[in-house]
């Protein structure tokens, strides 16, 4: 019997064992159709902290929306804003999709996208500019920004050029003629790898006149 005919009645003829027939009415039996949810987007193959992707899914014939949410057990790993999943920490991110039923359709079985999130990368960027040609005794302020770990960017004079320049606080001073190599490092943590070391090169080409 087609679904959706609940409450309808049909005439049937009932024949007893003795051969007596009678016309009566009977309710039409109804049944619900199944629904299924299919994800139409796939997460990145190697997701890392700080990454995102757009999630989407289609459902069955009830016309009810497919409701997508982060599984309550993994909200510390990822979050959802609109259709965008953001990876916030290393671990397992589980994205759930559900669709309610109707008089004609049963509720769709819940489906999942399970995503293993790895450590994100960090990068250091100098926000200061080193002098390309300055006099001995000259100075400049060095500064740099780092990645998402929140660990400080540690700035130091490279051990090979400590005879050319020195660092006090954020001030680099050129103490001799030559090349000054300023190193910047940032440690990692559970969610981010250590940033690759970067360098800023400055040069002192002559001495101050006395």
Protein backbone atom coordinates (compact mmCIF):
# COMPACT_ATOMS: atom_id res chain seq x y z
CA UNK A 1 0.00 0.00 0.00
CA UNK A 2 1.52 3.39 -0.85
CA UNK A 3 2.74 5.33 2.13
CA UNK A 4 0.71 8.32 3.15
CA UNK A 5 -2.68 6.62 2.84
CA UNK A 6 -3.13 6.36 6.60
CA UNK A 7 -6.78 6.49 7.59
CA UNK A 8 -8.14 5.37 4.24
CA UNK A 9 -10.48 2.39 4.00
CA UNK A 10 -11.20 -0.18 1.30
CA UNK A 11 -14.09 -2.57 0.75
CA UNK A 12 -13.20 -6.24 1.11
CA UNK A 13 -15.21 -9.41 0.75
CA UNK A 14 -14.80 -11.83 3.64
CA UNK A 15 -15.57 -15.51 2.97
CA UNK A 16 -16.05 -17.84 5.93
CA UNK A 17 -15.19 -21.55 6.03
CA UNK A 18 -18.84 -22.37 5.41
CA UNK A 19 -18.76 -20.37 2.20
CA UNK A 20 -20.73 -17.36 3.45
CA UNK A 21 -19.53 -14.10 1.97
CA UNK A 22 -19.97 -10.62 3.33
CA UNK A 23 -18.88 -7.19 2.19
CA UNK A 24 -17.08 -5.16 4.84
CA UNK A 25 -14.51 -2.40 5.07
CA UNK A 26 -10.99 -2.54 6.41
CA UNK A 27 -8.35 0.02 7.22
CA UNK A 28 -5.52 0.32 4.76
CA UNK A 29 -2.20 -0.70 6.28
CA UNK A 30 0.44 2.02 6.00
CA UNK A 31 4.21 1.95 6.35
CA UNK A 32 7.05 4.47 6.47
CA UNK A 33 9.86 4.71 3.97
CA UNK A 34 13.50 4.75 4.96
CA UNK A 35 15.84 7.72 4.62
CA UNK A 36 19.61 7.85 4.28
CA UNK A 37 22.14 10.66 4.73
CA UNK A 38 25.15 11.04 2.46
CA UNK A 39 28.01 13.46 3.07
CA UNK A 40 28.74 15.36 -0.14
CA UNK A 41 32.04 16.87 1.03
CA UNK A 42 35.14 15.16 2.34
CA UNK A 43 37.53 16.45 5.02
CA UNK A 44 41.16 17.14 4.09
CA UNK A 45 43.35 14.05 3.81
CA UNK A 46 45.87 15.29 6.41
CA UNK A 47 44.04 17.79 8.61
CA UNK A 48 46.05 19.82 11.12
CA UNK A 49 45.30 22.26 13.91
CA UNK A 50 44.28 25.60 12.44
CA UNK A 51 42.80 24.03 9.31
CA UNK A 52 39.20 24.18 8.16
CA UNK A 53 36.83 22.58 5.69
CA UNK A 54 33.24 23.00 4.48
CA UNK A 55 30.89 20.18 5.46
CA UNK A 56 27.69 19.33 3.57
CA UNK A 57 25.28 16.40 3.33
CA UNK A 58 22.08 15.38 1.61
CA UNK A 59 19.21 13.45 3.15
CA UNK A 60 16.06 11.54 2.30
CA UNK A 61 12.64 12.40 0.97
CA UNK A 62 11.02 13.80 4.10
CA UNK A 63 12.19 17.28 3.21
CA UNK A 64 13.45 17.82 6.74
CA UNK A 65 16.86 19.47 6.96
CA UNK A 66 20.01 17.47 7.56
CA UNK A 67 21.32 18.78 10.88
CA UNK A 68 25.11 18.72 11.16
CA UNK A 69 26.86 19.11 14.51
CA UNK A 70 30.13 18.30 16.24
CA UNK A 71 29.75 15.22 18.39
CA UNK A 72 29.66 16.23 22.05
CA UNK A 73 32.61 13.95 22.80
CA UNK A 74 34.92 15.85 20.43
CA UNK A 75 34.04 19.53 20.90
CA UNK A 76 37.48 20.13 22.42
CA UNK A 77 39.08 19.09 19.11
CA UNK A 78 36.93 20.88 16.55
CA UNK A 79 34.12 23.40 16.20
CA UNK A 80 31.42 24.25 13.66
CA UNK A 81 30.34 27.69 12.49
CA UNK A 82 27.79 27.64 9.72
CA UNK A 83 29.14 24.99 7.37
CA UNK A 84 32.79 25.46 8.36
CA UNK A 85 34.54 22.92 10.59
CA UNK A 86 37.64 24.31 12.32
CA UNK A 87 40.31 22.06 13.84
CA UNK A 88 41.34 23.47 17.23
CA UNK A 89 43.39 20.70 18.83
CA UNK A 90 45.11 17.40 18.11
CA UNK A 91 42.78 14.40 18.39
CA UNK A 92 39.65 12.88 16.89
CA UNK A 93 36.96 15.17 15.45
CA UNK A 94 33.59 13.49 14.92
CA UNK A 95 31.00 15.31 12.77
CA UNK A 96 27.43 14.00 13.15
CA UNK A 97 24.57 14.32 10.66
CA UNK A 98 20.92 13.65 11.50
CA UNK A 99 17.58 13.99 9.70
CA UNK A 100 14.20 13.76 11.37
CA UNK A 101 11.41 11.63 9.97
CA UNK A 102 7.82 12.43 9.07
CA UNK A 103 4.50 10.60 8.72
CA UNK A 104 5.86 9.09 5.52
CA UNK A 105 9.55 8.63 6.34
CA UNK A 106 11.42 7.22 9.30
CA UNK A 107 14.26 9.24 10.84
CA UNK A 108 17.51 8.67 8.98
CA UNK A 109 20.21 6.72 10.82
CA UNK A 110 22.88 9.06 12.15
CA UNK A 111 26.06 9.15 10.06
CA UNK A 112 29.51 10.41 10.99
CA UNK A 113 32.67 11.85 9.54
CA UNK A 114 35.56 10.90 11.83
CA UNK A 115 38.69 12.97 11.32
CA UNK A 116 42.09 12.54 12.97
CA UNK A 117 43.68 15.96 13.48
CA UNK A 118 47.46 16.37 13.63
CA UNK A 119 49.74 19.16 14.84
CA UNK A 120 49.66 22.46 12.99
CA UNK A 121 52.73 24.24 11.65
CA UNK A 122 54.07 27.53 12.93
CA UNK A 123 55.98 30.25 11.13
CA UNK A 124 57.97 33.21 12.45
CA UNK A 125 57.98 36.58 10.71
CA UNK A 126 60.26 39.46 11.53
CA UNK A 127 58.27 42.67 11.85
CA UNK A 128 61.43 44.78 12.09
CA UNK A 129 63.92 45.60 9.36
CA UNK A 130 67.64 45.26 9.96
CA UNK A 131 69.97 47.93 8.58
CA UNK A 132 71.87 46.76 5.51
CA UNK A 133 74.73 49.18 6.11
CA UNK A 134 75.25 50.95 9.40
CA UNK A 135 78.15 52.20 11.46
CA UNK A 136 79.68 50.41 14.41
CA UNK A 137 77.81 51.62 17.45
CA UNK A 138 74.53 51.76 15.53
CA UNK A 139 71.43 50.05 16.90
CA UNK A 140 67.99 48.89 15.85
CA UNK A 141 64.94 47.38 17.53
CA UNK A 142 64.25 43.77 16.54
CA UNK A 143 60.79 42.22 16.71
CA UNK A 144 59.02 39.14 15.35
CA UNK A 145 55.67 37.36 15.50
CA UNK A 146 55.10 33.62 15.71
CA UNK A 147 52.51 30.88 15.30
CA UNK A 148 49.45 29.70 17.19
CA UNK A 149 51.10 27.86 20.10
CA UNK A 150 51.25 31.06 22.12
CA UNK A 151 54.87 30.35 23.03
CA UNK A 152 57.16 33.38 22.88
CA UNK A 153 59.41 34.04 19.92
CA UNK A 154 62.93 33.87 21.35
CA UNK A 155 65.38 36.21 19.63
CA UNK A 156 69.14 35.84 20.03
CA UNK A 157 72.36 36.72 18.27
CA UNK A 158 73.68 33.77 16.31
CA UNK A 159 76.71 32.29 18.06
CA UNK A 160 78.81 32.79 14.91
CA UNK A 161 78.34 36.58 14.94
CA UNK A 162 78.50 37.54 18.63
CA UNK A 163 81.76 39.39 17.89
CA UNK A 164 79.87 41.70 15.52
CA UNK A 165 76.71 42.52 17.46
CA UNK A 166 74.96 42.11 20.78
CA UNK A 167 71.37 42.02 22.03
CA UNK A 168 69.94 43.74 25.09
CA UNK A 169 66.21 43.39 25.46
CA UNK A 170 65.01 44.05 21.91
CA UNK A 171 67.93 46.32 20.94
CA UNK A 172 70.63 45.02 18.63
CA UNK A 173 73.91 46.94 18.83
CA UNK A 174 76.64 46.65 16.19
CA UNK A 175 79.94 46.34 18.02
CA UNK A 176 82.28 45.63 15.11
CA UNK A 177 82.43 45.73 11.32
CA UNK A 178 80.85 42.67 9.73
CA UNK A 179 77.64 40.69 9.36
CA UNK A 180 75.25 40.31 12.28
CA UNK A 181 72.95 37.28 12.22
CA UNK A 182 69.86 37.51 14.47
CA UNK A 183 68.08 34.19 15.10
CA UNK A 184 64.41 33.74 16.02
CA UNK A 185 62.91 30.51 17.38
CA UNK A 186 59.53 29.44 18.71
CA UNK A 187 58.89 26.20 20.59
CA UNK A 188 55.96 23.94 19.82
CA UNK A 189 53.39 22.34 22.11
CA UNK A 190 50.83 19.54 21.98
CA UNK A 191 48.98 21.20 19.10
CA UNK A 192 51.76 22.89 17.12
CA UNK A 193 55.20 21.85 15.93
CA UNK A 194 58.20 24.05 16.65
CA UNK A 195 58.60 26.86 14.12
CA UNK A 196 61.59 26.64 11.75
CA UNK A 197 64.34 29.01 12.80
CA UNK A 198 64.48 32.24 10.82
CA UNK A 199 67.27 34.83 10.53
CA UNK A 200 67.63 38.55 10.08
CA UNK A 201 70.90 39.80 8.66
CA UNK A 202 72.34 43.22 9.44
CA UNK A 203 75.68 44.72 8.43
CA UNK A 204 78.03 47.22 9.97
CA UNK A 205 80.40 48.56 7.32
CA UNK A 206 82.41 51.24 9.09
CA UNK A 207 83.25 52.70 12.47
CA UNK A 208 81.95 55.91 13.94
CA UNK A 209 84.41 58.77 13.55
CA UNK A 210 85.88 60.01 16.78
